[in-house]
């Protein structure tokens, strides 16, 4: 299974770098481009490699509905 989560510490470090940069607009655009690229890569990977269907799934027996039948 593919892990498509991101590290919040990485994001915080990148935002801090953007805030301290001489050209924050350029750095912010680069970071946004990186995020969009990674979103696209994850989406393509999920589409090309769908998870296998569950095997031997055990289900509970269904309850009977309605009135019970009479013996006679």
PDB file of N, CA and C in Angstrom:
ATOM      1  N   UNK A   1       0.834  -1.168   0.000  1.00  0.00           N
ATOM      2  CA  UNK A   1       0.000   0.000   0.000  1.00  0.00           C
ATOM      3  C   UNK A   1       0.889   1.246   0.000  1.00  0.00           C
ATOM      4  N   UNK A   2       0.494   2.217  -0.754  1.00  0.00           N
ATOM      5  CA  UNK A   2       1.281   3.423  -0.909  1.00  0.00           C
ATOM      6  C   UNK A   2       0.923   4.415   0.194  1.00  0.00           C
ATOM      7  N   UNK A   3       1.948   4.985   0.795  1.00  0.00           N
ATOM      8  CA  UNK A   3       1.742   5.994   1.825  1.00  0.00           C
ATOM      9  C   UNK A   3       1.811   7.361   1.167  1.00  0.00           C
ATOM     10  N   UNK A   4       0.683   8.064   1.097  1.00  0.00           N
ATOM     11  CA  UNK A   4       0.661   9.353   0.409  1.00  0.00           C
ATOM     12  C   UNK A   4       0.516  10.527   1.375  1.00  0.00           C
ATOM     13  N   UNK A   5       0.927  10.322   2.606  1.00  0.00           N
ATOM     14  CA  UNK A   5       0.903  11.415   3.577  1.00  0.00           C
ATOM     15  C   UNK A   5       2.188  12.226   3.459  1.00  0.00           C
ATOM     16  N   UNK A   6       2.156  13.453   3.993  1.00  0.00           N
ATOM     17  CA  UNK A   6       3.359  14.278   3.990  1.00  0.00           C
ATOM     18  C   UNK A   6       3.746  14.599   5.429  1.00  0.00           C
ATOM     19  N   UNK A   7       5.002  14.904   5.609  1.00  0.00           N
ATOM     20  CA  UNK A   7       5.525  15.221   6.934  1.00  0.00           C
ATOM     21  C   UNK A   7       5.273  16.701   7.216  1.00  0.00           C
ATOM     22  N   UNK A   8       4.561  16.994   8.282  1.00  0.00           N
ATOM     23  CA  UNK A   8       4.245  18.375   8.624  1.00  0.00           C
ATOM     24  C   UNK A   8       5.506  19.139   9.007  1.00  0.00           C
ATOM     25  N   UNK A   9       6.524  18.442   9.507  1.00  0.00           N
ATOM     26  CA  UNK A   9       7.787  19.104   9.842  1.00  0.00           C
ATOM     27  C   UNK A   9       8.489  19.583   8.570  1.00  0.00           C
ATOM     28  N   UNK A  10       8.419  18.784   7.519  1.00  0.00           N
ATOM     29  CA  UNK A  10       8.999  19.191   6.241  1.00  0.00           C
ATOM     30  C   UNK A  10       8.299  20.434   5.714  1.00  0.00           C
ATOM     31  N   UNK A  11       6.976  20.435   5.793  1.00  0.00           N
ATOM     32  CA  UNK A  11       6.205  21.583   5.316  1.00  0.00           C
ATOM     33  C   UNK A  11       6.543  22.823   6.150  1.00  0.00           C
ATOM     34  N   UNK A  12       6.632  22.658   7.458  1.00  0.00           N
ATOM     35  CA  UNK A  12       6.958  23.796   8.323  1.00  0.00           C
ATOM     36  C   UNK A  12       8.348  24.350   7.999  1.00  0.00           C
ATOM     37  N   UNK A  13       9.307  23.464   7.769  1.00  0.00           N
ATOM     38  CA  UNK A  13      10.657  23.918   7.400  1.00  0.00           C
ATOM     39  C   UNK A  13      10.655  24.666   6.077  1.00  0.00           C
ATOM     40  N   UNK A  14       9.899  24.156   5.108  1.00  0.00           N
ATOM     41  CA  UNK A  14       9.836  24.836   3.805  1.00  0.00           C
ATOM     42  C   UNK A  14       9.174  26.202   3.917  1.00  0.00           C
ATOM     43  N   UNK A  15       8.103  26.303   4.692  1.00  0.00           N
ATOM     44  CA  UNK A  15       7.429  27.593   4.879  1.00  0.00           C
ATOM     45  C   UNK A  15       8.355  28.576   5.593  1.00  0.00           C
ATOM     46  N   UNK A  16       9.105  28.090   6.559  1.00  0.00           N
ATOM     47  CA  UNK A  16      10.073  28.939   7.255  1.00  0.00           C
ATOM     48  C   UNK A  16      11.148  29.435   6.285  1.00  0.00           C
ATOM     49  N   UNK A  17      11.627  28.554   5.417  1.00  0.00           N
ATOM     50  CA  UNK A  17      12.613  28.960   4.406  1.00  0.00           C
ATOM     51  C   UNK A  17      12.031  30.010   3.464  1.00  0.00           C
ATOM     52  N   UNK A  18      10.776  29.850   3.104  1.00  0.00           N
ATOM     53  CA  UNK A  18      10.117  30.818   2.223  1.00  0.00           C
ATOM     54  C   UNK A  18      10.032  32.182   2.915  1.00  0.00           C
ATOM     55  N   UNK A  19       9.672  32.165   4.201  1.00  0.00           N
ATOM     56  CA  UNK A  19       9.534  33.422   4.938  1.00  0.00           C
ATOM     57  C   UNK A  19      10.867  34.154   5.072  1.00  0.00           C
ATOM     58  N   UNK A  20      11.971  33.410   5.179  1.00  0.00           N
ATOM     59  CA  UNK A  20      13.294  34.014   5.361  1.00  0.00           C
ATOM     60  C   UNK A  20      14.006  34.322   4.043  1.00  0.00           C
ATOM     61  N   UNK A  21      13.449  33.904   2.930  1.00  0.00           N
ATOM     62  CA  UNK A  21      14.121  34.024   1.635  1.00  0.00           C
ATOM     63  C   UNK A  21      14.153  35.476   1.154  1.00  0.00           C
ATOM     64  N   UNK A  22      15.166  35.752   0.310  1.00  0.00           N
ATOM     65  CA  UNK A  22      15.280  37.075  -0.293  1.00  0.00           C
ATOM     66  C   UNK A  22      14.183  37.275  -1.333  1.00  0.00           C
ATOM     67  N   UNK A  23      13.784  36.184  -1.996  1.00  0.00           N
ATOM     68  CA  UNK A  23      12.724  36.238  -3.003  1.00  0.00           C
ATOM     69  C   UNK A  23      11.642  35.224  -2.606  1.00  0.00           C
ATOM     70  N   UNK A  24      10.778  35.578  -1.640  1.00  0.00           N
ATOM     71  CA  UNK A  24       9.800  34.600  -1.146  1.00  0.00           C
ATOM     72  C   UNK A  24       8.768  34.173  -2.193  1.00  0.00           C
ATOM     73  N   UNK A  25       8.460  35.042  -3.143  1.00  0.00           N
ATOM     74  CA  UNK A  25       7.481  34.679  -4.163  1.00  0.00           C
ATOM     75  C   UNK A  25       7.982  33.516  -5.006  1.00  0.00           C
ATOM     76  N   UNK A  26       9.232  33.566  -5.414  1.00  0.00           N
ATOM     77  CA  UNK A  26       9.837  32.500  -6.225  1.00  0.00           C
ATOM     78  C   UNK A  26       9.889  31.194  -5.439  1.00  0.00           C
ATOM     79  N   UNK A  27      10.300  31.295  -4.157  1.00  0.00           N
ATOM     80  CA  UNK A  27      10.373  30.085  -3.321  1.00  0.00           C
ATOM     81  C   UNK A  27       8.983  29.486  -3.110  1.00  0.00           C
ATOM     82  N   UNK A  28       7.966  30.326  -2.902  1.00  0.00           N
ATOM     83  CA  UNK A  28       6.600  29.834  -2.699  1.00  0.00           C
ATOM     84  C   UNK A  28       6.083  29.157  -3.964  1.00  0.00           C
ATOM     85  N   UNK A  29       6.389  29.728  -5.123  1.00  0.00           N
ATOM     86  CA  UNK A  29       5.967  29.119  -6.382  1.00  0.00           C
ATOM     87  C   UNK A  29       6.655  27.769  -6.586  1.00  0.00           C
ATOM     88  N   UNK A  30       7.945  27.672  -6.227  1.00  0.00           N
ATOM     89  CA  UNK A  30       8.662  26.400  -6.348  1.00  0.00           C
ATOM     90  C   UNK A  30       8.060  25.335  -5.435  1.00  0.00           C
ATOM     91  N   UNK A  31       7.727  25.736  -4.211  1.00  0.00           N
ATOM     92  CA  UNK A  31       7.137  24.787  -3.265  1.00  0.00           C
ATOM     93  C   UNK A  31       5.762  24.330  -3.749  1.00  0.00           C
ATOM     94  N   UNK A  32       4.954  25.248  -4.259  1.00  0.00           N
ATOM     95  CA  UNK A  32       3.640  24.887  -4.798  1.00  0.00           C
ATOM     96  C   UNK A  32       3.785  23.936  -5.985  1.00  0.00           C
ATOM     97  N   UNK A  33       4.769  24.189  -6.828  1.00  0.00           N
ATOM     98  CA  UNK A  33       5.023  23.310  -7.969  1.00  0.00           C
ATOM     99  C   UNK A  33       5.407  21.907  -7.498  1.00  0.00           C
ATOM    100  N   UNK A  34       6.244  21.850  -6.453  1.00  0.00           N
ATOM    101  CA  UNK A  34       6.650  20.558  -5.883  1.00  0.00           C
ATOM    102  C   UNK A  34       5.443  19.810  -5.319  1.00  0.00           C
ATOM    103  N   UNK A  35       4.579  20.517  -4.581  1.00  0.00           N
ATOM    104  CA  UNK A  35       3.391  19.877  -4.012  1.00  0.00           C
ATOM    105  C   UNK A  35       2.474  19.352  -5.100  1.00  0.00           C
ATOM    106  N   UNK A  36       2.234  20.164  -6.123  1.00  0.00           N
ATOM    107  CA  UNK A  36       1.370  19.726  -7.217  1.00  0.00           C
ATOM    108  C   UNK A  36       1.968  18.544  -7.967  1.00  0.00           C
ATOM    109  N   UNK A  37       3.274  18.540  -8.138  1.00  0.00           N
ATOM    110  CA  UNK A  37       3.939  17.412  -8.798  1.00  0.00           C
ATOM    111  C   UNK A  37       3.731  16.137  -7.988  1.00  0.00           C
ATOM    112  N   UNK A  38       3.937  16.230  -6.668  1.00  0.00           N
ATOM    113  CA  UNK A  38       3.797  15.047  -5.819  1.00  0.00           C
ATOM    114  C   UNK A  38       2.355  14.553  -5.769  1.00  0.00           C
ATOM    115  N   UNK A  39       1.395  15.467  -5.780  1.00  0.00           N
ATOM    116  CA  UNK A  39      -0.003  15.064  -5.821  1.00  0.00           C
ATOM    117  C   UNK A  39      -0.275  14.291  -7.110  1.00  0.00           C
ATOM    118  N   UNK A  40       0.248  14.802  -8.220  1.00  0.00           N
ATOM    119  CA  UNK A  40       0.063  14.132  -9.505  1.00  0.00           C
ATOM    120  C   UNK A  40       0.717  12.776  -9.560  1.00  0.00           C
ATOM    121  N   UNK A  41       1.926  12.664  -9.008  1.00  0.00           N
ATOM    122  CA  UNK A  41       2.633  11.385  -8.997  1.00  0.00           C
ATOM    123  C   UNK A  41       1.857  10.365  -8.178  1.00  0.00           C
ATOM    124  N   UNK A  42       1.366  10.780  -7.002  1.00  0.00           N
ATOM    125  CA  UNK A  42       0.594   9.861  -6.162  1.00  0.00           C
ATOM    126  C   UNK A  42      -0.691   9.425  -6.848  1.00  0.00           C
ATOM    127  N   UNK A  43      -1.364  10.354  -7.505  1.00  0.00           N
ATOM    128  CA  UNK A  43      -2.615  10.021  -8.190  1.00  0.00           C
ATOM    129  C   UNK A  43      -2.360   9.046  -9.338  1.00  0.00           C
ATOM    130  N   UNK A  44      -1.295   9.280 -10.092  1.00  0.00           N
ATOM    131  CA  UNK A  44      -0.973   8.366 -11.206  1.00  0.00           C
ATOM    132  C   UNK A  44      -0.600   6.989 -10.673  1.00  0.00           C
ATOM    133  N   UNK A  45       0.146   6.953  -9.582  1.00  0.00           N
ATOM    134  CA  UNK A  45       0.552   5.671  -9.012  1.00  0.00           C
ATOM    135  C   UNK A  45      -0.663   4.887  -8.535  1.00  0.00           C
ATOM    136  N   UNK A  46      -1.612   5.573  -7.884  1.00  0.00           N
ATOM    137  CA  UNK A  46      -2.827   4.896  -7.430  1.00  0.00           C
ATOM    138  C   UNK A  46      -3.652   4.384  -8.606  1.00  0.00           C
ATOM    139  N   UNK A  47      -3.722   5.190  -9.666  1.00  0.00           N
ATOM    140  CA  UNK A  47      -4.521   4.800 -10.836  1.00  0.00           C
ATOM    141  C   UNK A  47      -3.897   3.610 -11.552  1.00  0.00           C
ATOM    142  N   UNK A  48      -2.580   3.597 -11.668  1.00  0.00           N
ATOM    143  CA  UNK A  48      -1.901   2.525 -12.391  1.00  0.00           C
ATOM    144  C   UNK A  48      -1.728   1.260 -11.560  1.00  0.00           C
ATOM    145  N   UNK A  49      -1.784   1.376 -10.251  1.00  0.00           N
ATOM    146  CA  UNK A  49      -1.607   0.230  -9.360  1.00  0.00           C
ATOM    147  C   UNK A  49      -2.737   0.189  -8.340  1.00  0.00           C
ATOM    148  N   UNK A  50      -3.962  -0.136  -8.768  1.00  0.00           N
ATOM    149  CA  UNK A  50      -5.063  -0.153  -7.800  1.00  0.00           C
ATOM    150  C   UNK A  50      -4.842  -1.268  -6.777  1.00  0.00           C
ATOM    151  N   UNK A  51      -5.368  -1.092  -5.563  1.00  0.00           N
ATOM    152  CA  UNK A  51      -5.188  -2.134  -4.546  1.00  0.00           C
ATOM    153  C   UNK A  51      -5.915  -3.407  -4.957  1.00  0.00           C
ATOM    154  N   UNK A  52      -5.367  -4.558  -4.602  1.00  0.00           N
ATOM    155  CA  UNK A  52      -6.024  -5.820  -4.964  1.00  0.00           C
ATOM    156  C   UNK A  52      -7.338  -5.960  -4.192  1.00  0.00           C
ATOM    157  N   UNK A  53      -8.299  -6.685  -4.775  1.00  0.00           N
ATOM    158  CA  UNK A  53      -9.566  -6.887  -4.067  1.00  0.00           C
ATOM    159  C   UNK A  53      -9.346  -7.747  -2.829  1.00  0.00           C
ATOM    160  N   UNK A  54     -10.152  -7.540  -1.791  1.00  0.00           N
ATOM    161  CA  UNK A  54      -9.990  -8.355  -0.581  1.00  0.00           C
ATOM    162  C   UNK A  54     -10.269  -9.818  -0.884  1.00  0.00           C
ATOM    163  N   UNK A  55      -9.495 -10.695  -0.265  1.00  0.00           N
ATOM    164  CA  UNK A  55      -9.642 -12.125  -0.522  1.00  0.00           C
ATOM    165  C   UNK A  55     -10.182 -12.824   0.714  1.00  0.00           C
ATOM    166  N   UNK A  56     -11.046 -13.798   0.470  1.00  0.00           N
ATOM    167  CA  UNK A  56     -11.626 -14.610   1.541  1.00  0.00           C
ATOM    168  C   UNK A  56     -12.253 -13.743   2.618  1.00  0.00           C
ATOM    169  N   UNK A  57     -13.043 -12.797   2.190  1.00  0.00           N
ATOM    170  CA  UNK A  57     -13.697 -11.922   3.150  1.00  0.00           C
ATOM    171  C   UNK A  57     -14.811 -12.700   3.836  1.00  0.00           C
ATOM    172  N   UNK A  58     -14.800 -12.699   5.152  1.00  0.00           N
ATOM    173  CA  UNK A  58     -15.790 -13.432   5.925  1.00  0.00           C
ATOM    174  C   UNK A  58     -16.932 -12.477   6.258  1.00  0.00           C
ATOM    175  N   UNK A  59     -18.138 -12.893   5.938  1.00  0.00           N
ATOM    176  CA  UNK A  59     -19.299 -12.062   6.235  1.00  0.00           C
ATOM    177  C   UNK A  59     -20.187 -12.777   7.243  1.00  0.00           C
ATOM    178  N   UNK A  60     -20.860 -12.021   8.057  1.00  0.00           N
ATOM    179  CA  UNK A  60     -21.772 -12.586   9.050  1.00  0.00           C
ATOM    180  C   UNK A  60     -23.026 -13.077   8.337  1.00  0.00           C
ATOM    181  N   UNK A  61     -23.628 -14.155   8.838  1.00  0.00           N
ATOM    182  CA  UNK A  61     -24.866 -14.632   8.210  1.00  0.00           C
ATOM    183  C   UNK A  61     -25.952 -13.575   8.361  1.00  0.00           C
ATOM    184  N   UNK A  62     -26.799 -13.489   7.347  1.00  0.00           N
ATOM    185  CA  UNK A  62     -27.866 -12.497   7.361  1.00  0.00           C
ATOM    186  C   UNK A  62     -29.002 -12.955   8.265  1.00  0.00           C
ATOM    187  N   UNK A  63     -29.568 -11.988   8.966  1.00  0.00           N
ATOM    188  CA  UNK A  63     -30.724 -12.297   9.801  1.00  0.00           C
ATOM    189  C   UNK A  63     -31.944 -12.461   8.908  1.00  0.00           C
ATOM    190  N   UNK A  64     -32.815 -13.359   9.294  1.00  0.00           N
ATOM    191  CA  UNK A  64     -34.056 -13.530   8.551  1.00  0.00           C
ATOM    192  C   UNK A  64     -34.983 -12.374   8.884  1.00  0.00           C
ATOM    193  N   UNK A  65     -35.677 -11.913   7.880  1.00  0.00           N
ATOM    194  CA  UNK A  65     -36.574 -10.804   8.069  1.00  0.00           C
ATOM    195  C   UNK A  65     -38.015 -11.281   7.976  1.00  0.00           C
ATOM    196  N   UNK A  66     -38.901 -10.573   8.618  1.00  0.00           N
ATOM    197  CA  UNK A  66     -40.316 -10.901   8.536  1.00  0.00           C
ATOM    198  C   UNK A  66     -40.780 -11.824   9.651  1.00  0.00           C
ATOM    199  N   UNK A  67     -41.986 -12.329   9.479  1.00  0.00           N
ATOM    200  CA  UNK A  67     -42.558 -13.222  10.482  1.00  0.00           C
ATOM    201  C   UNK A  67     -41.981 -14.617  10.342  1.00  0.00           C
ATOM    202  N   UNK A  68     -41.863 -15.304  11.467  1.00  0.00           N
ATOM    203  CA  UNK A  68     -41.438 -16.715  11.356  1.00  0.00           C
ATOM    204  C   UNK A  68     -42.578 -17.552  10.775  1.00  0.00           C
ATOM    205  N   UNK A  69     -42.231 -18.586  10.038  1.00  0.00           N
ATOM    206  CA  UNK A  69     -43.253 -19.467   9.433  1.00  0.00           C
ATOM    207  C   UNK A  69     -43.840 -20.375  10.493  1.00  0.00           C
ATOM    208  N   UNK A  70     -45.160 -20.708  10.310  1.00  0.00           N
ATOM    209  CA  UNK A  70     -45.859 -21.608  11.233  1.00  0.00           C
ATOM    210  C   UNK A  70     -45.524 -23.042  10.861  1.00  0.00           C
ATOM    211  N   UNK A  71     -45.505 -23.926  11.860  1.00  0.00           N
ATOM    212  CA  UNK A  71     -45.237 -25.348  11.622  1.00  0.00           C
ATOM    213  C   UNK A  71     -46.548 -26.100  11.397  1.00  0.00           C
ATOM    214  N   UNK A  72     -47.213 -25.911  10.388  1.00  0.00           N
ATOM    215  CA  UNK A  72     -48.417 -26.670  10.251  1.00  0.00           C
ATOM    216  C   UNK A  72     -49.317 -26.330   9.188  1.00  0.00           C
TER     217      UNK A  72
END
